[in-house]
């Protein structure tokens, strides 16, 4: 009787394992679709422009630049700051944001210092 019970349990276990013949696969979260620009073909010696990539959020950067001017540079009467849209997140890239300080229009030089979104804010000129 005991032998029959052991054999029955072994058969039940074997049948359960038969349904698990494939190893479990890890779940991979879906990624956002990306598109690649069409290849650029040039017939002249002029290099092709770099493909579009990540760009800075102009509104967020304007806010951050204003904060740096008031807190780090300790400037008073800093008005609205405007940074241009579509600036690439490319190491070494340079551009300027405009600002009014005490009613006078100034330019704030920005230098991208890495490919991860870091940048340096220089004193207004």
N, C-alpha and C. Protein backbone atom coordinates (compact mmCIF):
# COMPACT_ATOMS: atom_id res chain seq x y z
N UNK A 1 0.81 -1.18 0.00
CA UNK A 1 0.00 0.00 0.00
C UNK A 1 0.87 1.26 0.00
N UNK A 2 1.89 1.21 0.85
CA UNK A 2 2.79 2.35 0.93
C UNK A 2 3.54 2.53 -0.39
N UNK A 3 3.93 1.45 -1.01
CA UNK A 3 4.63 1.52 -2.29
C UNK A 3 3.74 2.15 -3.34
N UNK A 4 2.45 1.84 -3.34
CA UNK A 4 1.50 2.40 -4.30
C UNK A 4 1.39 3.91 -4.12
N UNK A 5 1.39 4.35 -2.86
CA UNK A 5 1.29 5.78 -2.56
C UNK A 5 2.52 6.52 -3.07
N UNK A 6 3.71 5.95 -2.86
CA UNK A 6 4.96 6.57 -3.31
C UNK A 6 4.98 6.64 -4.83
N UNK A 7 4.58 5.56 -5.49
CA UNK A 7 4.55 5.54 -6.96
C UNK A 7 3.56 6.56 -7.48
N UNK A 8 2.42 6.68 -6.84
CA UNK A 8 1.40 7.65 -7.26
C UNK A 8 1.91 9.08 -7.12
N UNK A 9 2.59 9.37 -6.01
CA UNK A 9 3.14 10.71 -5.83
C UNK A 9 4.23 11.01 -6.85
N UNK A 10 5.06 10.02 -7.16
CA UNK A 10 6.11 10.21 -8.16
C UNK A 10 5.51 10.49 -9.53
N UNK A 11 4.46 9.78 -9.87
CA UNK A 11 3.80 9.99 -11.16
C UNK A 11 3.17 11.39 -11.22
N UNK A 12 2.55 11.81 -10.12
CA UNK A 12 1.93 13.14 -10.09
C UNK A 12 3.00 14.22 -10.25
N UNK A 13 4.14 14.03 -9.60
CA UNK A 13 5.24 14.98 -9.72
C UNK A 13 5.79 15.02 -11.13
N UNK A 14 5.93 13.86 -11.75
CA UNK A 14 6.43 13.80 -13.12
C UNK A 14 5.48 14.48 -14.08
N UNK A 15 4.18 14.32 -13.87
CA UNK A 15 3.19 14.95 -14.74
C UNK A 15 3.22 16.47 -14.56
N UNK A 16 3.42 16.93 -13.33
CA UNK A 16 3.48 18.37 -13.07
C UNK A 16 4.71 18.96 -13.74
N UNK A 17 5.83 18.25 -13.68
CA UNK A 17 7.05 18.74 -14.30
C UNK A 17 6.98 18.71 -15.81
N UNK A 18 6.20 17.83 -16.36
CA UNK A 18 6.08 17.73 -17.82
C UNK A 18 5.51 19.01 -18.40
N UNK A 19 4.67 19.71 -17.67
CA UNK A 19 4.11 20.97 -18.14
C UNK A 19 5.08 22.13 -18.00
N UNK A 20 6.23 21.92 -17.37
CA UNK A 20 7.22 22.97 -17.14
C UNK A 20 8.49 22.66 -17.88
N UNK A 21 8.39 22.26 -19.13
CA UNK A 21 9.58 21.85 -19.85
C UNK A 21 10.46 23.02 -20.25
N UNK A 22 9.91 24.21 -20.42
CA UNK A 22 10.72 25.37 -20.79
C UNK A 22 11.18 26.09 -19.54
N UNK A 23 12.39 26.58 -19.59
CA UNK A 23 12.91 27.36 -18.47
C UNK A 23 12.18 28.70 -18.44
N UNK A 24 11.99 29.23 -17.26
CA UNK A 24 11.33 30.53 -17.14
C UNK A 24 12.18 31.60 -17.79
N UNK A 25 11.52 32.50 -18.50
CA UNK A 25 12.22 33.59 -19.18
C UNK A 25 12.05 34.87 -18.37
N UNK A 26 13.11 35.68 -18.28
CA UNK A 26 12.98 36.93 -17.53
C UNK A 26 12.03 37.88 -18.25
N UNK A 27 11.33 38.66 -17.48
CA UNK A 27 10.41 39.65 -18.05
C UNK A 27 11.23 40.89 -18.39
N UNK A 28 11.13 41.31 -19.63
CA UNK A 28 11.85 42.49 -20.08
C UNK A 28 10.82 43.60 -20.27
N UNK A 29 10.98 44.73 -19.58
CA UNK A 29 10.01 45.79 -19.73
C UNK A 29 10.08 46.36 -21.14
N UNK A 30 8.96 46.81 -21.66
CA UNK A 30 8.95 47.38 -23.00
C UNK A 30 9.73 48.69 -23.00
N UNK A 31 10.34 48.98 -24.11
CA UNK A 31 11.06 50.24 -24.24
C UNK A 31 10.30 51.13 -25.21
N UNK A 32 10.54 52.41 -25.07
CA UNK A 32 9.88 53.36 -25.96
C UNK A 32 10.42 53.17 -27.36
N UNK A 33 9.56 53.25 -28.35
CA UNK A 33 10.04 53.10 -29.73
C UNK A 33 10.95 54.26 -30.09
N UNK A 34 11.96 53.95 -30.85
CA UNK A 34 12.85 55.00 -31.32
C UNK A 34 12.86 54.97 -32.84
N UNK A 35 13.13 56.10 -33.40
CA UNK A 35 13.23 56.16 -34.85
C UNK A 35 14.62 56.67 -35.19
N UNK A 36 15.13 56.17 -36.26
CA UNK A 36 16.42 56.62 -36.74
C UNK A 36 16.19 57.46 -37.98
N UNK A 37 16.93 58.56 -38.08
CA UNK A 37 16.77 59.36 -39.28
C UNK A 37 17.31 58.60 -40.48
N UNK A 38 16.81 58.91 -41.67
CA UNK A 38 17.33 58.23 -42.85
C UNK A 38 18.80 58.56 -43.02
N UNK A 39 19.56 57.66 -43.63
CA UNK A 39 20.98 57.95 -43.81
C UNK A 39 21.18 59.19 -44.67
N UNK A 40 22.20 59.96 -44.32
CA UNK A 40 22.50 61.18 -45.07
C UNK A 40 23.61 60.84 -46.05
N UNK A 41 23.36 61.14 -47.30
CA UNK A 41 24.38 60.89 -48.32
C UNK A 41 24.86 62.24 -48.82
N UNK A 42 26.14 62.40 -48.82
CA UNK A 42 26.71 63.65 -49.32
C UNK A 42 27.62 63.35 -50.49
N UNK A 43 27.67 64.29 -51.40
CA UNK A 43 28.54 64.12 -52.56
C UNK A 43 29.66 65.15 -52.53
N UNK A 44 29.67 66.00 -51.50
CA UNK A 44 30.73 66.99 -51.38
C UNK A 44 31.60 66.63 -50.20
N UNK A 45 32.64 67.41 -49.99
CA UNK A 45 33.54 67.14 -48.87
C UNK A 45 33.01 67.71 -47.56
N UNK A 46 31.87 68.40 -47.57
CA UNK A 46 31.29 68.96 -46.36
C UNK A 46 30.71 67.83 -45.53
N UNK A 47 31.08 67.76 -44.25
CA UNK A 47 30.53 66.68 -43.41
C UNK A 47 29.03 66.87 -43.19
N UNK A 48 28.35 65.75 -43.05
CA UNK A 48 26.90 65.79 -42.82
C UNK A 48 26.63 66.26 -41.40
N UNK A 49 25.52 66.97 -41.18
CA UNK A 49 25.20 67.40 -39.82
C UNK A 49 24.92 66.19 -38.93
N UNK A 50 25.16 66.33 -37.63
CA UNK A 50 24.89 65.19 -36.75
C UNK A 50 23.40 64.90 -36.71
N UNK A 51 23.04 63.63 -36.49
CA UNK A 51 21.62 63.29 -36.43
C UNK A 51 20.99 63.96 -35.21
N UNK A 52 19.67 64.22 -35.28
CA UNK A 52 19.02 64.86 -34.13
C UNK A 52 19.09 63.93 -32.92
N UNK A 53 19.27 64.53 -31.76
CA UNK A 53 19.37 63.74 -30.54
C UNK A 53 18.63 64.44 -29.43
N UNK A 54 19.14 64.29 -28.24
CA UNK A 54 18.51 64.91 -27.08
C UNK A 54 18.77 66.41 -27.09
N UNK A 55 17.78 67.15 -26.63
CA UNK A 55 17.90 68.60 -26.52
C UNK A 55 17.47 69.02 -25.11
N UNK A 56 17.94 70.19 -24.69
CA UNK A 56 17.58 70.72 -23.39
C UNK A 56 16.15 71.24 -23.39
N UNK A 57 15.50 71.17 -22.26
CA UNK A 57 14.19 71.77 -22.04
C UNK A 57 14.45 73.25 -21.76
N UNK A 58 14.06 74.13 -22.69
CA UNK A 58 14.37 75.56 -22.59
C UNK A 58 13.75 76.19 -21.34
N UNK A 59 12.53 75.83 -20.99
CA UNK A 59 11.87 76.41 -19.82
C UNK A 59 12.58 75.99 -18.53
N UNK A 60 12.93 74.71 -18.42
CA UNK A 60 13.63 74.23 -17.22
C UNK A 60 15.00 74.86 -17.11
N UNK A 61 15.69 74.99 -18.23
CA UNK A 61 17.01 75.60 -18.20
C UNK A 61 16.92 77.08 -17.82
N UNK A 62 15.93 77.79 -18.34
CA UNK A 62 15.75 79.21 -18.00
C UNK A 62 15.58 79.37 -16.49
N UNK A 63 14.77 78.52 -15.91
CA UNK A 63 14.54 78.56 -14.46
C UNK A 63 15.82 78.26 -13.69
N UNK A 64 16.57 77.25 -14.13
CA UNK A 64 17.82 76.88 -13.46
C UNK A 64 18.87 77.99 -13.58
N UNK A 65 18.96 78.61 -14.74
CA UNK A 65 19.93 79.69 -14.95
C UNK A 65 19.59 80.87 -14.04
N UNK A 66 18.30 81.19 -13.93
CA UNK A 66 17.89 82.29 -13.05
C UNK A 66 18.29 82.00 -11.60
N UNK A 67 18.08 80.77 -11.18
CA UNK A 67 18.44 80.37 -9.81
C UNK A 67 19.96 80.49 -9.59
N UNK A 68 20.75 80.06 -10.55
CA UNK A 68 22.21 80.15 -10.44
C UNK A 68 22.66 81.61 -10.37
N UNK A 69 22.04 82.46 -11.19
CA UNK A 69 22.42 83.87 -11.19
C UNK A 69 22.12 84.53 -9.84
N UNK A 70 21.00 84.17 -9.23
CA UNK A 70 20.63 84.81 -7.96
C UNK A 70 21.31 84.16 -6.76
N UNK A 71 21.47 82.85 -6.76
CA UNK A 71 22.01 82.16 -5.59
C UNK A 71 23.53 81.98 -5.63
N UNK A 72 24.09 81.69 -6.79
CA UNK A 72 25.52 81.45 -6.88
C UNK A 72 26.27 82.76 -7.14
N UNK A 73 25.81 83.52 -8.14
CA UNK A 73 26.46 84.78 -8.47
C UNK A 73 25.98 85.95 -7.60
N UNK A 74 24.93 85.70 -6.81
CA UNK A 74 24.39 86.70 -5.87
C UNK A 74 23.99 88.00 -6.56
N UNK A 75 23.44 87.90 -7.77
CA UNK A 75 22.99 89.08 -8.50
C UNK A 75 21.62 89.50 -8.02
N UNK A 76 21.40 90.79 -7.95
CA UNK A 76 20.11 91.36 -7.53
C UNK A 76 19.33 91.79 -8.76
N UNK A 77 18.04 91.88 -8.62
CA UNK A 77 17.14 92.36 -9.67
C UNK A 77 17.24 91.54 -10.96
N UNK A 78 17.35 90.23 -10.81
CA UNK A 78 17.40 89.35 -11.98
C UNK A 78 15.97 89.17 -12.47
N UNK A 79 15.74 89.56 -13.70
CA UNK A 79 14.41 89.44 -14.29
C UNK A 79 14.25 88.12 -15.02
N UNK A 80 13.42 88.14 -16.02
CA UNK A 80 13.12 86.94 -16.79
C UNK A 80 14.35 86.46 -17.56
N UNK A 81 14.55 85.15 -17.55
CA UNK A 81 15.64 84.52 -18.30
C UNK A 81 15.01 83.75 -19.45
N UNK A 82 15.61 83.85 -20.62
CA UNK A 82 15.12 83.11 -21.78
C UNK A 82 16.25 82.35 -22.45
N UNK A 83 16.13 81.03 -22.47
CA UNK A 83 17.12 80.19 -23.14
C UNK A 83 16.50 79.68 -24.44
N UNK A 84 17.30 79.58 -25.49
CA UNK A 84 16.76 79.16 -26.78
C UNK A 84 16.34 77.68 -26.77
N UNK A 85 15.26 77.37 -27.46
CA UNK A 85 14.81 75.97 -27.53
C UNK A 85 15.69 75.16 -28.49
N UNK A 86 15.66 73.85 -28.30
CA UNK A 86 16.31 72.94 -29.25
C UNK A 86 17.82 72.88 -29.14
N UNK A 87 18.39 73.28 -28.01
CA UNK A 87 19.85 73.22 -27.88
C UNK A 87 20.27 71.78 -27.59
N UNK A 88 21.22 71.25 -28.38
CA UNK A 88 21.60 69.84 -28.24
C UNK A 88 22.39 69.56 -26.97
N UNK A 89 22.18 68.38 -26.43
CA UNK A 89 22.93 67.90 -25.27
C UNK A 89 24.19 67.23 -25.83
N UNK A 90 25.16 68.07 -26.21
CA UNK A 90 26.39 67.61 -26.82
C UNK A 90 27.56 68.28 -26.12
N UNK A 91 28.49 67.47 -25.64
CA UNK A 91 29.64 68.00 -24.92
C UNK A 91 30.36 69.07 -25.74
N UNK A 92 30.62 70.22 -25.10
CA UNK A 92 31.34 71.31 -25.76
C UNK A 92 30.45 72.30 -26.48
N UNK A 93 29.19 71.99 -26.65
CA UNK A 93 28.25 72.89 -27.33
C UNK A 93 28.14 74.18 -26.52
N UNK A 94 28.02 75.32 -27.20
CA UNK A 94 27.90 76.63 -26.53
C UNK A 94 26.73 77.39 -27.11
N UNK A 95 26.05 78.12 -26.23
CA UNK A 95 24.97 79.01 -26.64
C UNK A 95 24.76 80.02 -25.54
N UNK A 96 23.87 80.98 -25.74
CA UNK A 96 23.63 81.99 -24.71
C UNK A 96 22.14 82.06 -24.38
N UNK A 97 21.88 82.41 -23.13
CA UNK A 97 20.53 82.71 -22.68
C UNK A 97 20.47 84.22 -22.46
N UNK A 98 19.31 84.79 -22.65
CA UNK A 98 19.16 86.23 -22.42
C UNK A 98 18.53 86.46 -21.06
N UNK A 99 18.88 87.59 -20.45
CA UNK A 99 18.37 87.92 -19.12
C UNK A 99 18.33 89.44 -18.98
N UNK A 100 17.42 89.91 -18.15
CA UNK A 100 17.38 91.33 -17.80
C UNK A 100 17.79 91.43 -16.34
N UNK A 101 18.83 92.22 -16.10
CA UNK A 101 19.33 92.43 -14.74
C UNK A 101 19.25 93.93 -14.47
N UNK A 102 18.40 94.29 -13.52
CA UNK A 102 18.21 95.70 -13.22
C UNK A 102 17.71 96.48 -14.42
N UNK A 103 16.94 95.83 -15.27
CA UNK A 103 16.39 96.48 -16.46
C UNK A 103 17.30 96.48 -17.67
N UNK A 104 18.52 96.00 -17.53
CA UNK A 104 19.47 95.98 -18.64
C UNK A 104 19.56 94.57 -19.23
N UNK A 105 19.49 94.47 -20.56
CA UNK A 105 19.59 93.18 -21.25
C UNK A 105 21.02 92.69 -21.22
N UNK A 106 21.18 91.43 -20.86
CA UNK A 106 22.50 90.78 -20.80
C UNK A 106 22.41 89.40 -21.45
N UNK A 107 23.57 88.87 -21.79
CA UNK A 107 23.67 87.52 -22.32
C UNK A 107 24.42 86.65 -21.31
N UNK A 108 23.93 85.44 -21.11
CA UNK A 108 24.55 84.49 -20.18
C UNK A 108 25.12 83.32 -20.99
N UNK A 109 26.45 83.20 -21.05
CA UNK A 109 27.05 82.09 -21.81
C UNK A 109 26.83 80.75 -21.11
N UNK A 110 26.43 79.76 -21.90
CA UNK A 110 26.20 78.39 -21.43
C UNK A 110 27.14 77.48 -22.20
N UNK A 111 27.82 76.57 -21.50
CA UNK A 111 28.68 75.57 -22.13
C UNK A 111 28.26 74.20 -21.64
N UNK A 112 27.93 73.30 -22.56
CA UNK A 112 27.55 71.93 -22.22
C UNK A 112 28.82 71.19 -21.81
N UNK A 113 28.78 70.55 -20.65
CA UNK A 113 29.97 69.90 -20.11
C UNK A 113 29.79 68.39 -19.97
N UNK A 114 29.26 67.78 -20.96
CA UNK A 114 29.08 66.32 -20.95
C UNK A 114 27.85 65.95 -21.75
N UNK A 115 27.71 64.69 -22.02
CA UNK A 115 26.58 64.21 -22.80
C UNK A 115 25.38 63.81 -21.98
N UNK A 116 25.43 64.05 -20.67
CA UNK A 116 24.33 63.64 -19.79
C UNK A 116 23.47 64.81 -19.33
N UNK A 117 23.66 66.00 -19.90
CA UNK A 117 22.83 67.14 -19.55
C UNK A 117 23.46 68.12 -18.58
N UNK A 118 24.76 67.99 -18.29
CA UNK A 118 25.42 68.94 -17.43
C UNK A 118 25.83 70.16 -18.26
N UNK A 119 25.84 71.33 -17.62
CA UNK A 119 26.27 72.53 -18.31
C UNK A 119 26.81 73.54 -17.30
N UNK A 120 27.64 74.45 -17.80
CA UNK A 120 28.24 75.49 -16.99
C UNK A 120 27.57 76.81 -17.34
N UNK A 121 27.22 77.58 -16.33
CA UNK A 121 26.61 78.89 -16.50
C UNK A 121 27.67 79.93 -16.13
N UNK A 122 28.12 80.71 -17.11
CA UNK A 122 29.10 81.75 -16.83
C UNK A 122 28.39 83.04 -16.44
N UNK A 123 29.16 83.98 -15.88
CA UNK A 123 28.61 85.27 -15.47
C UNK A 123 28.08 86.02 -16.70
N UNK A 124 27.01 86.77 -16.53
CA UNK A 124 26.45 87.51 -17.65
C UNK A 124 27.43 88.54 -18.22
N UNK A 125 27.34 88.72 -19.51
CA UNK A 125 28.22 89.70 -20.18
C UNK A 125 27.38 90.85 -20.71
